[in-house]
Each structure stands twice: as structure tokens, then as C-alpha cells.
Amino acid sequence: MRQGLLTRDQVIARVGDGVVCALDRINCEMTNRVGYNGSCQDNDYTEWAASMDTVDLSGEDVTVIAYYYTDNEQDQIMADNDGDGSSITWEIEEYEIIWET
């Protein structure tokens, strides 16, 4: 959705498959980023993210973030199911790696 972020394969090349698989299992939360707050803010999508601190393949401390996006229809399905996120299918759209300084 946003430009300049990484694909799954790019992240695997930098931190390894095990880290990405572990990140897949972490629950995501809304980011509240401007422009990605769903219908309550007249936006087309809601942005969600899950993150974990780890060490990349070169030994550097990093934070890996996975971003998910739901459209207004998916948000409504969750709302109709008492906020149950398991009522929709979640797919990671993009990733980001932040190097610790």
C-alpha cells in the first residue's frame, strides 16, 4: 500500500526465514496512521502492524514490522462478529526493517 517497503523475500534475505515465520504468528494492532483509519475517517483502508525485535543475518539489532491492510468491508465483517479478527482472512502486504542505532 505504501511505497518503498519490502517484500517477504527481501526480508527473508536480511533476517532469515525463521524470523519471518515467527512474525507471521504475532497478533497485529491498528497503527492509527493518518490516511489508514478506515471508514471512521473516510479512508478506504485500515492499517495494522505486528513487529518484533531480532538480530539480522549480519548480527545487527533490528525491528521487523509486518503491515496488513483491511478494507471497509472486512472491518465491517469484524465489527459484525464482535471484533473477532478471525472472521476475515489476513495477509501481510509489506514489511519494514528498522535498524537500531
PDB file of N, CA and C in Angstrom:
ATOM      1  N   MET A   1       0.823  -1.199   0.000  1.00  0.00           N
ATOM      2  CA  MET A   1       0.000   0.000   0.000  1.00  0.00           C
ATOM      3  C   MET A   1       0.872   1.270   0.000  1.00  0.00           C
ATOM      4  N   ARG A   2       1.861   1.313   0.878  1.00  0.00           N
ATOM      5  CA  ARG A   2       2.762   2.460   0.868  1.00  0.00           C
ATOM      6  C   ARG A   2       3.978   2.102   0.029  1.00  0.00           C
ATOM      7  N   GLN A   3       4.636   3.077  -0.507  1.00  0.00           N
ATOM      8  CA  GLN A   3       5.767   2.844  -1.398  1.00  0.00           C
ATOM      9  C   GLN A   3       7.064   2.672  -0.614  1.00  0.00           C
ATOM     10  N   GLY A   4       7.966   1.855  -1.160  1.00  0.00           N
ATOM     11  CA  GLY A   4       9.302   1.751  -0.612  1.00  0.00           C
ATOM     12  C   GLY A   4       9.491   0.706   0.459  1.00  0.00           C
ATOM     13  N   LEU A   5       8.460  -0.069   0.743  1.00  0.00           N
ATOM     14  CA  LEU A   5       8.613  -1.092   1.754  1.00  0.00           C
ATOM     15  C   LEU A   5       9.058  -2.398   1.103  1.00  0.00           C
ATOM     16  N   LEU A   6       9.348  -3.386   1.907  1.00  0.00           N
ATOM     17  CA  LEU A   6       9.985  -4.612   1.444  1.00  0.00           C
ATOM     18  C   LEU A   6       8.996  -5.752   1.210  1.00  0.00           C
ATOM     19  N   THR A   7       9.399  -6.654   0.334  1.00  0.00           N
ATOM     20  CA  THR A   7       8.627  -7.875   0.110  1.00  0.00           C
ATOM     21  C   THR A   7       9.058  -8.933   1.119  1.00  0.00           C
ATOM     22  N   ARG A   8       8.303  -9.989   1.194  1.00  0.00           N
ATOM     23  CA  ARG A   8       8.632 -11.101   2.076  1.00  0.00           C
ATOM     24  C   ARG A   8      10.012 -11.669   1.745  1.00  0.00           C
ATOM     25  N   ASP A   9      10.297 -11.876   0.462  1.00  0.00           N
ATOM     26  CA  ASP A   9      11.584 -12.439   0.061  1.00  0.00           C
ATOM     27  C   ASP A   9      12.745 -11.519   0.432  1.00  0.00           C
ATOM     28  N   GLN A  10      12.563 -10.224   0.306  1.00  0.00           N
ATOM     29  CA  GLN A  10      13.609  -9.279   0.688  1.00  0.00           C
ATOM     30  C   GLN A  10      13.898  -9.343   2.187  1.00  0.00           C
ATOM     31  N   VAL A  11      12.852  -9.488   2.987  1.00  0.00           N
ATOM     32  CA  VAL A  11      13.034  -9.560   4.439  1.00  0.00           C
ATOM     33  C   VAL A  11      13.698 -10.883   4.816  1.00  0.00           C
ATOM     34  N   ILE A  12      13.271 -11.972   4.202  1.00  0.00           N
ATOM     35  CA  ILE A  12      13.897 -13.267   4.476  1.00  0.00           C
ATOM     36  C   ILE A  12      15.397 -13.198   4.176  1.00  0.00           C
ATOM     37  N   ALA A  13      15.779 -12.545   3.096  1.00  0.00           N
ATOM     38  CA  ALA A  13      17.194 -12.426   2.731  1.00  0.00           C
ATOM     39  C   ALA A  13      17.985 -11.637   3.780  1.00  0.00           C
ATOM     40  N   ARG A  14      17.336 -10.768   4.523  1.00  0.00           N
ATOM     41  CA  ARG A  14      18.036  -9.925   5.507  1.00  0.00           C
ATOM     42  C   ARG A  14      17.995 -10.458   6.927  1.00  0.00           C
ATOM     43  N   VAL A  15      16.898 -11.171   7.272  1.00  0.00           N
ATOM     44  CA  VAL A  15      16.778 -11.635   8.664  1.00  0.00           C
ATOM     45  C   VAL A  15      16.565 -13.137   8.792  1.00  0.00           C
ATOM     46  N   GLY A  16      16.288 -13.825   7.685  1.00  0.00           N
ATOM     47  CA  GLY A  16      16.082 -15.264   7.722  1.00  0.00           C
ATOM     48  C   GLY A  16      14.618 -15.655   7.772  1.00  0.00           C
ATOM     49  N   ASP A  17      14.365 -16.849   7.290  1.00  0.00           N
ATOM     50  CA  ASP A  17      13.004 -17.383   7.210  1.00  0.00           C
ATOM     51  C   ASP A  17      12.374 -17.582   8.586  1.00  0.00           C
ATOM     52  N   GLY A  18      13.175 -17.993   9.566  1.00  0.00           N
ATOM     53  CA  GLY A  18      12.644 -18.243  10.908  1.00  0.00           C
ATOM     54  C   GLY A  18      12.040 -17.011  11.539  1.00  0.00           C
ATOM     55  N   VAL A  19      12.674 -15.866  11.343  1.00  0.00           N
ATOM     56  CA  VAL A  19      12.154 -14.613  11.899  1.00  0.00           C
ATOM     57  C   VAL A  19      10.831 -14.254  11.238  1.00  0.00           C
ATOM     58  N   VAL A  20      10.776 -14.383   9.918  1.00  0.00           N
ATOM     59  CA  VAL A  20       9.545 -14.032   9.200  1.00  0.00           C
ATOM     60  C   VAL A  20       8.411 -14.972   9.610  1.00  0.00           C
ATOM     61  N   CYS A  21       8.698 -16.253   9.757  1.00  0.00           N
ATOM     62  CA  CYS A  21       7.660 -17.202  10.192  1.00  0.00           C
ATOM     63  C   CYS A  21       7.183 -16.872  11.607  1.00  0.00           C
ATOM     64  N   ALA A  22       8.100 -16.475  12.486  1.00  0.00           N
ATOM     65  CA  ALA A  22       7.709 -16.080  13.845  1.00  0.00           C
ATOM     66  C   ALA A  22       6.849 -14.820  13.816  1.00  0.00           C
ATOM     67  N   LEU A  23       7.206 -13.872  12.960  1.00  0.00           N
ATOM     68  CA  LEU A  23       6.438 -12.638  12.832  1.00  0.00           C
ATOM     69  C   LEU A  23       5.019 -12.921  12.327  1.00  0.00           C
ATOM     70  N   ASP A  24       4.881 -13.924  11.472  1.00  0.00           N
ATOM     71  CA  ASP A  24       3.556 -14.308  10.955  1.00  0.00           C
ATOM     72  C   ASP A  24       2.590 -14.679  12.078  1.00  0.00           C
ATOM     73  N   ARG A  25       3.109 -15.140  13.198  1.00  0.00           N
ATOM     74  CA  ARG A  25       2.265 -15.623  14.297  1.00  0.00           C
ATOM     75  C   ARG A  25       1.954 -14.562  15.354  1.00  0.00           C
ATOM     76  N   ILE A  26       2.519 -13.378  15.203  1.00  0.00           N
ATOM     77  CA  ILE A  26       2.292 -12.311  16.182  1.00  0.00           C
ATOM     78  C   ILE A  26       1.013 -11.557  15.819  1.00  0.00           C
ATOM     79  N   ASN A  27       0.180 -11.300  16.825  1.00  0.00           N
ATOM     80  CA  ASN A  27      -1.048 -10.541  16.582  1.00  0.00           C
ATOM     81  C   ASN A  27      -0.718  -9.116  16.157  1.00  0.00           C
ATOM     82  N   CYS A  28      -1.500  -8.593  15.238  1.00  0.00           N
ATOM     83  CA  CYS A  28      -1.310  -7.224  14.767  1.00  0.00           C
ATOM     84  C   CYS A  28      -2.293  -6.294  15.481  1.00  0.00           C
ATOM     85  N   GLU A  29      -1.937  -5.016  15.471  1.00  0.00           N
ATOM     86  CA  GLU A  29      -2.763  -3.965  16.061  1.00  0.00           C
ATOM     87  C   GLU A  29      -2.898  -2.835  15.053  1.00  0.00           C
ATOM     88  N   MET A  30      -3.953  -2.052  15.183  1.00  0.00           N
ATOM     89  CA  MET A  30      -4.122  -0.884  14.314  1.00  0.00           C
ATOM     90  C   MET A  30      -2.970   0.088  14.538  1.00  0.00           C
ATOM     91  N   THR A  31      -2.495   0.698  13.441  1.00  0.00           N
ATOM     92  CA  THR A  31      -1.410   1.670  13.567  1.00  0.00           C
ATOM     93  C   THR A  31      -1.919   3.085  13.835  1.00  0.00           C
ATOM     94  N   ASN A  32      -3.145   3.380  13.462  1.00  0.00           N
ATOM     95  CA  ASN A  32      -3.717   4.725  13.577  1.00  0.00           C
ATOM     96  C   ASN A  32      -2.954   5.747  12.746  1.00  0.00           C
ATOM     97  N   ARG A  33      -2.273   5.276  11.709  1.00  0.00           N
ATOM     98  CA  ARG A  33      -1.532   6.170  10.813  1.00  0.00           C
ATOM     99  C   ARG A  33      -2.527   6.990   9.987  1.00  0.00           C
ATOM    100  N   VAL A  34      -2.270   8.273   9.851  1.00  0.00           N
ATOM    101  CA  VAL A  34      -3.142   9.167   9.093  1.00  0.00           C
ATOM    102  C   VAL A  34      -3.302   8.622   7.672  1.00  0.00           C
ATOM    103  N   GLY A  35      -4.557   8.548   7.237  1.00  0.00           N
ATOM    104  CA  GLY A  35      -4.867   8.061   5.900  1.00  0.00           C
ATOM    105  C   GLY A  35      -5.207   6.586   5.856  1.00  0.00           C
ATOM    106  N   TYR A  36      -5.056   5.891   6.992  1.00  0.00           N
ATOM    107  CA  TYR A  36      -5.312   4.445   7.047  1.00  0.00           C
ATOM    108  C   TYR A  36      -6.137   4.084   8.278  1.00  0.00           C
ATOM    109  N   ASN A  37      -7.234   4.806   8.481  1.00  0.00           N
ATOM    110  CA  ASN A  37      -8.083   4.569   9.638  1.00  0.00           C
ATOM    111  C   ASN A  37      -9.479   4.075   9.269  1.00  0.00           C
ATOM    112  N   GLY A  38      -9.666   3.585   8.074  1.00  0.00           N
ATOM    113  CA  GLY A  38     -10.941   3.015   7.676  1.00  0.00           C
ATOM    114  C   GLY A  38     -12.054   4.032   7.537  1.00  0.00           C
ATOM    115  N   SER A  39     -13.269   3.510   7.519  1.00  0.00           N
ATOM    116  CA  SER A  39     -14.433   4.356   7.233  1.00  0.00           C
ATOM    117  C   SER A  39     -14.684   5.412   8.301  1.00  0.00           C
ATOM    118  N   CYS A  40     -14.231   5.201   9.529  1.00  0.00           N
ATOM    119  CA  CYS A  40     -14.472   6.209  10.574  1.00  0.00           C
ATOM    120  C   CYS A  40     -13.770   7.527  10.261  1.00  0.00           C
ATOM    121  N   GLN A  41     -12.759   7.489   9.395  1.00  0.00           N
ATOM    122  CA  GLN A  41     -12.049   8.693   8.971  1.00  0.00           C
ATOM    123  C   GLN A  41     -12.166   8.914   7.457  1.00  0.00           C
ATOM    124  N   ASP A  42     -13.168   8.265   6.855  1.00  0.00           N
ATOM    125  CA  ASP A  42     -13.375   8.342   5.409  1.00  0.00           C
ATOM    126  C   ASP A  42     -12.172   7.847   4.608  1.00  0.00           C
ATOM    127  N   ASN A  43     -11.473   6.838   5.140  1.00  0.00           N
ATOM    128  CA  ASN A  43     -10.348   6.205   4.447  1.00  0.00           C
ATOM    129  C   ASN A  43     -10.811   4.874   3.882  1.00  0.00           C
ATOM    130  N   ASP A  44     -10.183   4.437   2.810  1.00  0.00           N
ATOM    131  CA  ASP A  44     -10.553   3.176   2.172  1.00  0.00           C
ATOM    132  C   ASP A  44     -10.007   1.954   2.904  1.00  0.00           C
ATOM    133  N   TYR A  45      -8.939   2.138   3.676  1.00  0.00           N
ATOM    134  CA  TYR A  45      -8.285   1.006   4.333  1.00  0.00           C
ATOM    135  C   TYR A  45      -7.954   1.332   5.780  1.00  0.00           C
ATOM    136  N   THR A  46      -7.778   0.270   6.559  1.00  0.00           N
ATOM    137  CA  THR A  46      -7.245   0.367   7.909  1.00  0.00           C
ATOM    138  C   THR A  46      -5.904  -0.349   7.906  1.00  0.00           C
ATOM    139  N   GLU A  47      -4.889   0.302   8.464  1.00  0.00           N
ATOM    140  CA  GLU A  47      -3.559  -0.300   8.510  1.00  0.00           C
ATOM    141  C   GLU A  47      -3.351  -0.958   9.872  1.00  0.00           C
ATOM    142  N   TRP A  48      -2.783  -2.144   9.833  1.00  0.00           N
ATOM    143  CA  TRP A  48      -2.473  -2.934  11.017  1.00  0.00           C
ATOM    144  C   TRP A  48      -1.003  -3.324  10.946  1.00  0.00           C
ATOM    145  N   ALA A  49      -0.362  -3.528  12.090  1.00  0.00           N
ATOM    146  CA  ALA A  49       1.042  -3.921  12.074  1.00  0.00           C
ATOM    147  C   ALA A  49       1.351  -4.845  13.240  1.00  0.00           C
ATOM    148  N   ALA A  50       2.298  -5.732  12.990  1.00  0.00           N
ATOM    149  CA  ALA A  50       2.888  -6.587  14.023  1.00  0.00           C
ATOM    150  C   ALA A  50       4.390  -6.401  13.910  1.00  0.00           C
ATOM    151  N   SER A  51       5.097  -6.420  15.035  1.00  0.00           N
ATOM    152  CA  SER A  51       6.533  -6.214  14.976  1.00  0.00           C
ATOM    153  C   SER A  51       7.251  -7.087  15.986  1.00  0.00           C
ATOM    154  N   MET A  52       8.538  -7.275  15.715  1.00  0.00           N
ATOM    155  CA  MET A  52       9.375  -7.987  16.674  1.00  0.00           C
ATOM    156  C   MET A  52      10.809  -7.495  16.557  1.00  0.00           C
ATOM    157  N   ASP A  53      11.484  -7.465  17.696  1.00  0.00           N
ATOM    158  CA  ASP A  53      12.904  -7.136  17.730  1.00  0.00           C
ATOM    159  C   ASP A  53      13.682  -8.427  17.522  1.00  0.00           C
ATOM    160  N   THR A  54      14.753  -8.338  16.734  1.00  0.00           N
ATOM    161  CA  THR A  54      15.546  -9.517  16.423  1.00  0.00           C
ATOM    162  C   THR A  54      16.940  -9.077  16.007  1.00  0.00           C
ATOM    163  N   VAL A  55      17.718 -10.020  15.527  1.00  0.00           N
ATOM    164  CA  VAL A  55      19.053  -9.756  15.009  1.00  0.00           C
ATOM    165  C   VAL A  55      19.063 -10.196  13.552  1.00  0.00           C
ATOM    166  N   ASP A  56      19.565  -9.327  12.650  1.00  0.00           N
ATOM    167  CA  ASP A  56      19.590  -9.705  11.237  1.00  0.00           C
ATOM    168  C   ASP A  56      20.756 -10.668  10.974  1.00  0.00           C
ATOM    169  N   LEU A  57      20.892 -11.116   9.741  1.00  0.00           N
ATOM    170  CA  LEU A  57      21.888 -12.125   9.407  1.00  0.00           C
ATOM    171  C   LEU A  57      23.322 -11.619   9.539  1.00  0.00           C
ATOM    172  N   SER A  58      23.505 -10.297   9.600  1.00  0.00           N
ATOM    173  CA  SER A  58      24.856  -9.754   9.796  1.00  0.00           C
ATOM    174  C   SER A  58      25.149  -9.469  11.265  1.00  0.00           C
ATOM    175  N   GLY A  59      24.180  -9.762  12.143  1.00  0.00           N
ATOM    176  CA  GLY A  59      24.379  -9.567  13.573  1.00  0.00           C
ATOM    177  C   GLY A  59      23.908  -8.243  14.124  1.00  0.00           C
ATOM    178  N   GLU A  60      23.256  -7.436  13.294  1.00  0.00           N
ATOM    179  CA  GLU A  60      22.748  -6.132  13.727  1.00  0.00           C
ATOM    180  C   GLU A  60      21.394  -6.276  14.410  1.00  0.00           C
ATOM    181  N   ASP A  61      21.160  -5.472  15.459  1.00  0.00           N
ATOM    182  CA  ASP A  61      19.850  -5.431  16.103  1.00  0.00           C
ATOM    183  C   ASP A  61      18.875  -4.689  15.199  1.00  0.00           C
ATOM    184  N   VAL A  62      17.723  -5.284  14.941  1.00  0.00           N
ATOM    185  CA  VAL A  62      16.712  -4.686  14.072  1.00  0.00           C
ATOM    186  C   VAL A  62      15.317  -4.926  14.640  1.00  0.00           C
ATOM    187  N   THR A  63      14.380  -4.137  14.165  1.00  0.00           N
ATOM    188  CA  THR A  63      12.959  -4.373  14.394  1.00  0.00           C
ATOM    189  C   THR A  63      12.343  -4.661  13.033  1.00  0.00           C
ATOM    190  N   VAL A  64      11.619  -5.775  12.941  1.00  0.00           N
ATOM    191  CA  VAL A  64      10.946  -6.146  11.699  1.00  0.00           C
ATOM    192  C   VAL A  64       9.455  -5.902  11.897  1.00  0.00           C
ATOM    193  N   ILE A  65       8.830  -5.217  10.950  1.00  0.00           N
ATOM    194  CA  ILE A  65       7.411  -4.880  11.033  1.00  0.00           C
ATOM    195  C   ILE A  65       6.687  -5.460   9.828  1.00  0.00           C
ATOM    196  N   ALA A  66       5.575  -6.132  10.086  1.00  0.00           N
ATOM    197  CA  ALA A  66       4.701  -6.638   9.022  1.00  0.00           C
ATOM    198  C   ALA A  66       3.449  -5.773   8.997  1.00  0.00           C
ATOM    199  N   TYR A  67       3.057  -5.339   7.805  1.00  0.00           N
ATOM    200  CA  TYR A  67       1.874  -4.497   7.653  1.00  0.00           C
ATOM    201  C   TYR A  67       0.750  -5.261   6.964  1.00  0.00           C
ATOM    202  N   TYR A  68      -0.433  -5.111   7.513  1.00  0.00           N
ATOM    203  CA  TYR A  68      -1.658  -5.679   6.959  1.00  0.00           C
ATOM    204  C   TYR A  68      -2.594  -4.519   6.661  1.00  0.00           C
ATOM    205  N   TYR A  69      -3.464  -4.689   5.674  1.00  0.00           N
ATOM    206  CA  TYR A  69      -4.469  -3.671   5.371  1.00  0.00           C
ATOM    207  C   TYR A  69      -5.819  -4.353   5.218  1.00  0.00           C
ATOM    208  N   THR A  70      -6.826  -3.809   5.902  1.00  0.00           N
ATOM    209  CA  THR A  70      -8.190  -4.287   5.721  1.00  0.00           C
ATOM    210  C   THR A  70      -8.996  -3.193   5.043  1.00  0.00           C
ATOM    211  N   ASP A  71      -9.929  -3.619   4.196  1.00  0.00           N
ATOM    212  CA  ASP A  71     -10.808  -2.627   3.578  1.00  0.00           C
ATOM    213  C   ASP A  71     -12.035  -2.445   4.476  1.00  0.00           C
ATOM    214  N   ASN A  72     -12.884  -1.512   4.121  1.00  0.00           N
ATOM    215  CA  ASN A  72     -14.036  -1.199   4.968  1.00  0.00           C
ATOM    216  C   ASN A  72     -14.996  -2.374   5.099  1.00  0.00           C
ATOM    217  N   GLU A  73     -15.116  -3.182   4.056  1.00  0.00           N
ATOM    218  CA  GLU A  73     -15.979  -4.356   4.129  1.00  0.00           C
ATOM    219  C   GLU A  73     -15.441  -5.366   5.150  1.00  0.00           C
ATOM    220  N   GLN A  74     -14.141  -5.591   5.139  1.00  0.00           N
ATOM    221  CA  GLN A  74     -13.556  -6.505   6.120  1.00  0.00           C
ATOM    222  C   GLN A  74     -13.709  -5.958   7.540  1.00  0.00           C
ATOM    223  N   ASP A  75     -13.516  -4.655   7.702  1.00  0.00           N
ATOM    224  CA  ASP A  75     -13.700  -4.036   9.017  1.00  0.00           C
ATOM    225  C   ASP A  75     -15.132  -4.230   9.512  1.00  0.00           C
ATOM    226  N   GLN A  76     -16.093  -4.106   8.612  1.00  0.00           N
ATOM    227  CA  GLN A  76     -17.495  -4.293   8.987  1.00  0.00           C
ATOM    228  C   GLN A  76     -17.767  -5.748   9.367  1.00  0.00           C
ATOM    229  N   ILE A  77     -17.175  -6.683   8.652  1.00  0.00           N
ATOM    230  CA  ILE A  77     -17.343  -8.108   8.987  1.00  0.00           C
ATOM    231  C   ILE A  77     -16.824  -8.363  10.403  1.00  0.00           C
ATOM    232  N   MET A  78     -15.658  -7.810  10.727  1.00  0.00           N
ATOM    233  CA  MET A  78     -15.134  -7.977  12.091  1.00  0.00           C
ATOM    234  C   MET A  78     -16.065  -7.337  13.110  1.00  0.00           C
ATOM    235  N   ALA A  79     -16.549  -6.138  12.816  1.00  0.00           N
ATOM    236  CA  ALA A  79     -17.457  -5.456  13.740  1.00  0.00           C
ATOM    237  C   ALA A  79     -18.725  -6.267  13.960  1.00  0.00           C
ATOM    238  N   ASP A  80     -19.254  -6.858  12.892  1.00  0.00           N
ATOM    239  CA  ASP A  80     -20.453  -7.677  12.993  1.00  0.00           C
ATOM    240  C   ASP A  80     -20.222  -8.951  13.795  1.00  0.00           C
ATOM    241  N   ASN A  81     -18.949  -9.326  13.959  1.00  0.00           N
ATOM    242  CA  ASN A  81     -18.587 -10.516  14.723  1.00  0.00           C
ATOM    243  C   ASN A  81     -17.896 -10.144  16.033  1.00  0.00           C
ATOM    244  N   ASP A  82     -18.382  -9.078  16.653  1.00  0.00           N
ATOM    245  CA  ASP A  82     -17.879  -8.607  17.950  1.00  0.00           C
ATOM    246  C   ASP A  82     -16.379  -8.351  17.947  1.00  0.00           C
ATOM    247  N   GLY A  83     -15.865  -7.847  16.828  1.00  0.00           N
ATOM    248  CA  GLY A  83     -14.452  -7.509  16.747  1.00  0.00           C
ATOM    249  C   GLY A  83     -13.525  -8.690  16.531  1.00  0.00           C
ATOM    250  N   ASP A  84     -14.097  -9.840  16.214  1.00  0.00           N
ATOM    251  CA  ASP A  84     -13.310 -11.062  16.031  1.00  0.00           C
ATOM    252  C   ASP A  84     -12.552 -11.024  14.707  1.00  0.00           C
ATOM    253  N   GLY A  85     -11.233 -10.846  14.793  1.00  0.00           N
ATOM    254  CA  GLY A  85     -10.404 -10.789  13.608  1.00  0.00           C
ATOM    255  C   GLY A  85     -10.311 -12.096  12.847  1.00  0.00           C
ATOM    256  N   SER A  86     -10.681 -13.201  13.498  1.00  0.00           N
ATOM    257  CA  SER A  86     -10.623 -14.488  12.799  1.00  0.00           C
ATOM    258  C   SER A  86     -11.772 -14.647  11.800  1.00  0.00           C
ATOM    259  N   SER A  87     -12.651 -13.649  11.735  1.00  0.00           N
ATOM    260  CA  SER A  87     -13.770 -13.709  10.797  1.00  0.00           C
ATOM    261  C   SER A  87     -13.369 -13.272   9.384  1.00  0.00           C
ATOM    262  N   ILE A  88     -12.122 -12.820   9.212  1.00  0.00           N
ATOM    263  CA  ILE A  88     -11.619 -12.463   7.883  1.00  0.00           C
ATOM    264  C   ILE A  88     -10.287 -13.173   7.646  1.00  0.00           C
ATOM    265  N   THR A  89      -9.813 -13.120   6.411  1.00  0.00           N
ATOM    266  CA  THR A  89      -8.514 -13.686   6.075  1.00  0.00           C
ATOM    267  C   THR A  89      -7.478 -12.567   6.090  1.00  0.00           C
ATOM    268  N   TRP A  90      -6.413 -12.755   6.864  1.00  0.00           N
ATOM    269  CA  TRP A  90      -5.360 -11.750   6.993  1.00  0.00           C
ATOM    270  C   TRP A  90      -4.199 -12.109   6.079  1.00  0.00           C
ATOM    271  N   GLU A  91      -3.659 -11.119   5.392  1.00  0.00           N
ATOM    272  CA  GLU A  91      -2.486 -11.317   4.546  1.00  0.00           C
ATOM    273  C   GLU A  91      -1.521 -10.158   4.750  1.00  0.00           C
ATOM    274  N   ILE A  92      -0.261 -10.487   4.978  1.00  0.00           N
ATOM    275  CA  ILE A  92       0.755  -9.443   5.093  1.00  0.00           C
ATOM    276  C   ILE A  92       0.967  -8.848   3.706  1.00  0.00           C
ATOM    277  N   GLU A  93       0.905  -7.526   3.616  1.00  0.00           N
ATOM    278  CA  GLU A  93       1.072  -6.825   2.343  1.00  0.00           C
ATOM    279  C   GLU A  93       2.511  -6.396   2.106  1.00  0.00           C
ATOM    280  N   GLU A  94       3.198  -6.000   3.185  1.00  0.00           N
ATOM    281  CA  GLU A  94       4.553  -5.480   3.049  1.00  0.00           C
ATOM    282  C   GLU A  94       5.253  -5.482   4.406  1.00  0.00           C
ATOM    283  N   TYR A  95       6.556  -5.283   4.354  1.00  0.00           N
ATOM    284  CA  TYR A  95       7.385  -5.328   5.560  1.00  0.00           C
ATOM    285  C   TYR A  95       8.286  -4.106   5.618  1.00  0.00           C
ATOM    286  N   GLU A  96       8.796  -3.879   6.814  1.00  0.00           N
ATOM    287  CA  GLU A  96       9.770  -2.820   7.025  1.00  0.00           C
ATOM    288  C   GLU A  96      10.806  -3.337   8.018  1.00  0.00           C
ATOM    289  N   ILE A  97      12.060  -2.960   7.816  1.00  0.00           N
ATOM    290  CA  ILE A  97      13.112  -3.290   8.770  1.00  0.00           C
ATOM    291  C   ILE A  97      13.690  -1.976   9.269  1.00  0.00           C
ATOM    292  N   ILE A  98      13.774  -1.839  10.573  1.00  0.00           N
ATOM    293  CA  ILE A  98      14.351  -0.656  11.191  1.00  0.00           C
ATOM    294  C   ILE A  98      15.610  -1.096  11.941  1.00  0.00           C
ATOM    295  N   TRP A  99      16.741  -0.525  11.557  1.00  0.00           N
ATOM    296  CA  TRP A  99      17.995  -0.847  12.218  1.00  0.00           C
ATOM    297  C   TRP A  99      18.144   0.013  13.455  1.00  0.00           C
ATOM    298  N   GLU A 100      18.554  -0.630  14.545  1.00  0.00           N
ATOM    299  CA  GLU A 100      18.787   0.086  15.809  1.00  0.00           C
ATOM    300  C   GLU A 100      20.075   0.888  15.675  1.00  0.00           C
ATOM    301  N   THR A 101      20.091   2.060  16.272  1.00  0.00           N
ATOM    302  CA  THR A 101      21.303   2.877  16.200  1.00  0.00           C
ATOM    303  C   THR A 101      21.920   3.042  17.565  1.00  0.00           C
TER     304      THR A 101
END
